[in-house]
Amino acid sequence: MIKRTFLAIAVVLAVISCGQSQSGQSGQKSASLSEADDAKVKVYYFHGRMRCPTCVNIQEVVQNTVNDNFAGNEDVAFLEVDFSDRANAHLADKYEIAWSSVVIATEDEHTNITEQAFAMVMNNPEGLKSLVMAETQKFLDK
């Protein structure tokens, strides 16, 4: 119970802090929405215009994990999506996005790993990498 309460508080604090600093660019490969149309599995990193350091770290870990482990696999695409851009409203609505989020999806189903990402990124980035790889592979295997 205490662990769950601590996790909830950590997620709330991280979400609140997300509006307090500008984002950095990672320089890693991110497919455009149109380029990823044919991908079976899409790993979305949703963000607003402003991002906290934790949010930037989540993007870096998730994006690097996809790029390092699924490079050359046309069935997997990493997509960075600014949910505050009206052009992306359909995706924000589809996945019920209100703040920085990580969603792994196929055409028919998806998994939102945002809570786990916030809980792991600073103290257990290897665990977050493993989670991203496992969830992505789960959808590839279907």
C-alpha atoms as a PDB file:
ATOM      1  CA  MET A   1       0.000   0.000   0.000  1.00  0.00           C
ATOM      2  CA  ILE A   2       2.803   2.427   0.905  1.00  0.00           C
ATOM      3  CA  LYS A   3       4.694   1.535  -2.276  1.00  0.00           C
ATOM      4  CA  ARG A   4       1.591   2.175  -4.404  1.00  0.00           C
ATOM      5  CA  THR A   5       0.955   5.517  -2.640  1.00  0.00           C
ATOM      6  CA  PHE A   6       4.575   6.552  -3.176  1.00  0.00           C
ATOM      7  CA  LEU A   7       4.319   5.631  -6.877  1.00  0.00           C
ATOM      8  CA  ALA A   8       1.122   7.666  -7.246  1.00  0.00           C
ATOM      9  CA  ILE A   9       2.729  10.692  -5.567  1.00  0.00           C
ATOM     10  CA  ALA A  10       5.840  10.372  -7.759  1.00  0.00           C
ATOM     11  CA  VAL A  11       3.746  10.225 -10.927  1.00  0.00           C
ATOM     12  CA  VAL A  12       1.681  13.257  -9.874  1.00  0.00           C
ATOM     13  CA  LEU A  13       4.808  15.275  -9.064  1.00  0.00           C
ATOM     14  CA  ALA A  14       6.429  14.310 -12.350  1.00  0.00           C
ATOM     15  CA  VAL A  15       3.322  15.258 -14.309  1.00  0.00           C
ATOM     16  CA  ILE A  16       3.039  18.606 -12.529  1.00  0.00           C
ATOM     17  CA  SER A  17       6.687  19.403 -13.196  1.00  0.00           C
ATOM     18  CA  CYS A  18       6.333  18.592 -16.910  1.00  0.00           C
ATOM     19  CA  GLY A  19       5.138  22.099 -17.700  1.00  0.00           C
ATOM     20  CA  GLN A  20       8.122  23.834 -16.155  1.00  0.00           C
ATOM     21  CA  SER A  21      10.938  23.577 -18.701  1.00  0.00           C
ATOM     22  CA  GLN A  22      11.522  23.472 -22.435  1.00  0.00           C
ATOM     23  CA  SER A  23      12.286  20.168 -24.093  1.00  0.00           C
ATOM     24  CA  GLY A  24      15.559  19.193 -25.623  1.00  0.00           C
ATOM     25  CA  GLN A  25      15.972  17.388 -28.913  1.00  0.00           C
ATOM     26  CA  SER A  26      17.456  13.934 -28.689  1.00  0.00           C
ATOM     27  CA  GLY A  27      18.887  13.720 -32.186  1.00  0.00           C
ATOM     28  CA  GLN A  28      17.699  10.102 -32.477  1.00  0.00           C
ATOM     29  CA  LYS A  29      15.589   8.788 -35.328  1.00  0.00           C
ATOM     30  CA  SER A  30      11.867   9.349 -35.007  1.00  0.00           C
ATOM     31  CA  ALA A  31       9.524   8.395 -37.837  1.00  0.00           C
ATOM     32  CA  SER A  32       6.946  10.840 -39.064  1.00  0.00           C
ATOM     33  CA  LEU A  33       3.330   9.780 -38.680  1.00  0.00           C
ATOM     34  CA  SER A  34       3.013   9.184 -42.427  1.00  0.00           C
ATOM     35  CA  GLU A  35       6.276   7.192 -42.578  1.00  0.00           C
ATOM     36  CA  ALA A  36       5.032   4.882 -39.835  1.00  0.00           C
ATOM     37  CA  ASP A  37       1.718   4.018 -41.492  1.00  0.00           C
ATOM     38  CA  ASP A  38       2.929   0.550 -42.473  1.00  0.00           C
ATOM     39  CA  ALA A  39       4.506  -0.304 -39.106  1.00  0.00           C
ATOM     40  CA  LYS A  40       2.690  -3.073 -37.245  1.00  0.00           C
ATOM     41  CA  VAL A  41       3.770  -1.738 -33.841  1.00  0.00           C
ATOM     42  CA  LYS A  42       4.031   1.954 -33.046  1.00  0.00           C
ATOM     43  CA  VAL A  43       5.832   3.143 -29.938  1.00  0.00           C
ATOM     44  CA  TYR A  44       4.469   6.609 -29.208  1.00  0.00           C
ATOM     45  CA  TYR A  45       6.059   9.191 -26.970  1.00  0.00           C
ATOM     46  CA  PHE A  46       3.460  11.921 -26.402  1.00  0.00           C
ATOM     47  CA  HIS A  47       4.477  15.304 -25.010  1.00  0.00           C
ATOM     48  CA  GLY A  48       3.332  18.902 -24.824  1.00  0.00           C
ATOM     49  CA  ARG A  49       5.305  21.998 -25.756  1.00  0.00           C
ATOM     50  CA  MET A  50       7.144  22.090 -22.441  1.00  0.00           C
ATOM     51  CA  ARG A  51       8.824  19.090 -20.831  1.00  0.00           C
ATOM     52  CA  CYS A  52      10.559  18.410 -17.542  1.00  0.00           C
ATOM     53  CA  PRO A  53      13.921  16.602 -17.347  1.00  0.00           C
ATOM     54  CA  THR A  54      12.169  13.359 -16.371  1.00  0.00           C
ATOM     55  CA  CYS A  55       9.986  13.523 -19.484  1.00  0.00           C
ATOM     56  CA  VAL A  56      13.029  14.156 -21.681  1.00  0.00           C
ATOM     57  CA  ASN A  57      14.780  11.170 -20.076  1.00  0.00           C
ATOM     58  CA  ILE A  58      11.774   8.959 -20.737  1.00  0.00           C
ATOM     59  CA  GLN A  59      11.839   9.922 -24.405  1.00  0.00           C
ATOM     60  CA  GLU A  60      15.566   9.240 -24.660  1.00  0.00           C
ATOM     61  CA  VAL A  61      15.353   5.818 -23.018  1.00  0.00           C
ATOM     62  CA  VAL A  62      12.305   4.707 -25.013  1.00  0.00           C
ATOM     63  CA  GLN A  63      13.554   6.100 -28.322  1.00  0.00           C
ATOM     64  CA  ASN A  64      17.053   4.650 -27.889  1.00  0.00           C
ATOM     65  CA  THR A  65      15.565   1.290 -26.919  1.00  0.00           C
ATOM     66  CA  VAL A  66      13.447   1.143 -30.061  1.00  0.00           C
ATOM     67  CA  ASN A  67      16.267   2.393 -32.304  1.00  0.00           C
ATOM     68  CA  ASP A  68      18.855   0.026 -30.800  1.00  0.00           C
ATOM     69  CA  ASN A  69      16.721  -3.115 -30.613  1.00  0.00           C
ATOM     70  CA  PHE A  70      14.411  -2.841 -33.601  1.00  0.00           C
ATOM     71  CA  ALA A  71      16.661  -1.054 -36.116  1.00  0.00           C
ATOM     72  CA  GLY A  72      15.840  -2.164 -39.625  1.00  0.00           C
ATOM     73  CA  ASN A  73      12.569  -3.757 -38.524  1.00  0.00           C
ATOM     74  CA  GLU A  74       9.950  -2.020 -40.650  1.00  0.00           C
ATOM     75  CA  ASP A  75       7.233  -3.466 -38.398  1.00  0.00           C
ATOM     76  CA  VAL A  76       8.292  -1.174 -35.514  1.00  0.00           C
ATOM     77  CA  ALA A  77       8.324   2.630 -35.464  1.00  0.00           C
ATOM     78  CA  PHE A  78       9.092   5.170 -32.752  1.00  0.00           C
ATOM     79  CA  LEU A  79       6.885   8.248 -32.999  1.00  0.00           C
ATOM     80  CA  GLU A  80       7.330  11.480 -31.077  1.00  0.00           C
ATOM     81  CA  VAL A  81       3.975  13.252 -30.950  1.00  0.00           C
ATOM     82  CA  ASP A  82       3.245  16.741 -29.618  1.00  0.00           C
ATOM     83  CA  PHE A  83      -0.276  16.248 -28.286  1.00  0.00           C
ATOM     84  CA  SER A  84      -0.756  20.025 -27.978  1.00  0.00           C
ATOM     85  CA  ASP A  85      -0.565  20.342 -31.784  1.00  0.00           C
ATOM     86  CA  ARG A  86      -4.083  20.283 -33.239  1.00  0.00           C
ATOM     87  CA  ALA A  87      -2.867  18.100 -36.088  1.00  0.00           C
ATOM     88  CA  ASN A  88      -2.282  15.341 -33.519  1.00  0.00           C
ATOM     89  CA  ALA A  89      -5.598  15.704 -31.686  1.00  0.00           C
ATOM     90  CA  HIS A  90      -6.945  12.472 -33.202  1.00  0.00           C
ATOM     91  CA  LEU A  91      -4.118  10.476 -31.596  1.00  0.00           C
ATOM     92  CA  ALA A  92      -4.433  12.248 -28.254  1.00  0.00           C
ATOM     93  CA  ASP A  93      -8.145  11.462 -28.265  1.00  0.00           C
ATOM     94  CA  LYS A  94      -7.681   7.858 -29.395  1.00  0.00           C
ATOM     95  CA  TYR A  95      -5.247   7.076 -26.578  1.00  0.00           C
ATOM     96  CA  GLU A  96      -6.788   9.492 -24.028  1.00  0.00           C
ATOM     97  CA  ILE A  97      -3.581  11.514 -23.680  1.00  0.00           C
ATOM     98  CA  ALA A  98      -3.529  14.503 -21.323  1.00  0.00           C
ATOM     99  CA  TRP A  99       0.199  14.735 -20.462  1.00  0.00           C
ATOM    100  CA  SER A 100       3.513  13.113 -21.375  1.00  0.00           C
ATOM    101  CA  SER A 101       2.809   9.457 -22.077  1.00  0.00           C
ATOM    102  CA  VAL A 102       4.285   6.311 -23.576  1.00  0.00           C
ATOM    103  CA  VAL A 103       1.920   4.105 -25.553  1.00  0.00           C
ATOM    104  CA  ILE A 104       2.806   0.963 -27.488  1.00  0.00           C
ATOM    105  CA  ALA A 105       0.127   0.163 -30.040  1.00  0.00           C
ATOM    106  CA  THR A 106      -1.056  -1.874 -32.964  1.00  0.00           C
ATOM    107  CA  GLU A 107      -4.039  -1.013 -35.107  1.00  0.00           C
ATOM    108  CA  ASP A 108      -6.411  -2.844 -32.744  1.00  0.00           C
ATOM    109  CA  GLU A 109      -4.925  -2.626 -29.245  1.00  0.00           C
ATOM    110  CA  HIS A 110      -2.477  -0.708 -27.113  1.00  0.00           C
ATOM    111  CA  THR A 111      -0.662  -0.648 -23.797  1.00  0.00           C
ATOM    112  CA  ASN A 112      -0.006   2.574 -21.881  1.00  0.00           C
ATOM    113  CA  ILE A 113       3.238   2.222 -19.894  1.00  0.00           C
ATOM    114  CA  THR A 114       3.392   5.820 -18.662  1.00  0.00           C
ATOM    115  CA  GLU A 115       3.178   5.072 -14.936  1.00  0.00           C
ATOM    116  CA  GLN A 116       5.915   2.471 -15.165  1.00  0.00           C
ATOM    117  CA  ALA A 117       8.070   4.804 -17.283  1.00  0.00           C
ATOM    118  CA  PHE A 118       7.900   7.597 -14.702  1.00  0.00           C
ATOM    119  CA  ALA A 119       8.566   5.131 -11.894  1.00  0.00           C
ATOM    120  CA  MET A 120      11.597   3.527 -13.568  1.00  0.00           C
ATOM    121  CA  VAL A 121      13.365   6.071 -15.760  1.00  0.00           C
ATOM    122  CA  MET A 122      15.552   7.718 -13.129  1.00  0.00           C
ATOM    123  CA  ASN A 123      16.419   4.746 -10.898  1.00  0.00           C
ATOM    124  CA  ASN A 124      15.930   1.770 -13.193  1.00  0.00           C
ATOM    125  CA  PRO A 125      16.345   2.767 -16.855  1.00  0.00           C
ATOM    126  CA  GLU A 126      17.373  -0.809 -17.710  1.00  0.00           C
ATOM    127  CA  GLY A 127      14.017  -1.974 -16.350  1.00  0.00           C
ATOM    128  CA  LEU A 128      12.249   0.557 -18.566  1.00  0.00           C
ATOM    129  CA  LYS A 129      14.242  -0.668 -21.569  1.00  0.00           C
ATOM    130  CA  SER A 130      13.237  -4.244 -20.778  1.00  0.00           C
ATOM    131  CA  LEU A 131       9.589  -3.236 -20.448  1.00  0.00           C
ATOM    132  CA  VAL A 132       9.604  -1.392 -23.797  1.00  0.00           C
ATOM    133  CA  MET A 133      11.272  -4.351 -25.531  1.00  0.00           C
ATOM    134  CA  ALA A 134       8.898  -6.901 -23.962  1.00  0.00           C
ATOM    135  CA  GLU A 135       5.714  -4.954 -24.748  1.00  0.00           C
ATOM    136  CA  THR A 136       6.866  -4.226 -28.297  1.00  0.00           C
ATOM    137  CA  GLN A 137       7.816  -7.858 -28.883  1.00  0.00           C
ATOM    138  CA  LYS A 138       4.472  -9.004 -27.422  1.00  0.00           C
ATOM    139  CA  PHE A 139       2.638  -7.053 -30.133  1.00  0.00           C
ATOM    140  CA  LEU A 140       5.032  -8.232 -32.858  1.00  0.00           C
ATOM    141  CA  ASP A 141       4.372 -11.848 -31.887  1.00  0.00           C
ATOM    142  CA  LYS A 142       0.596 -11.538 -32.268  1.00  0.00           C
END
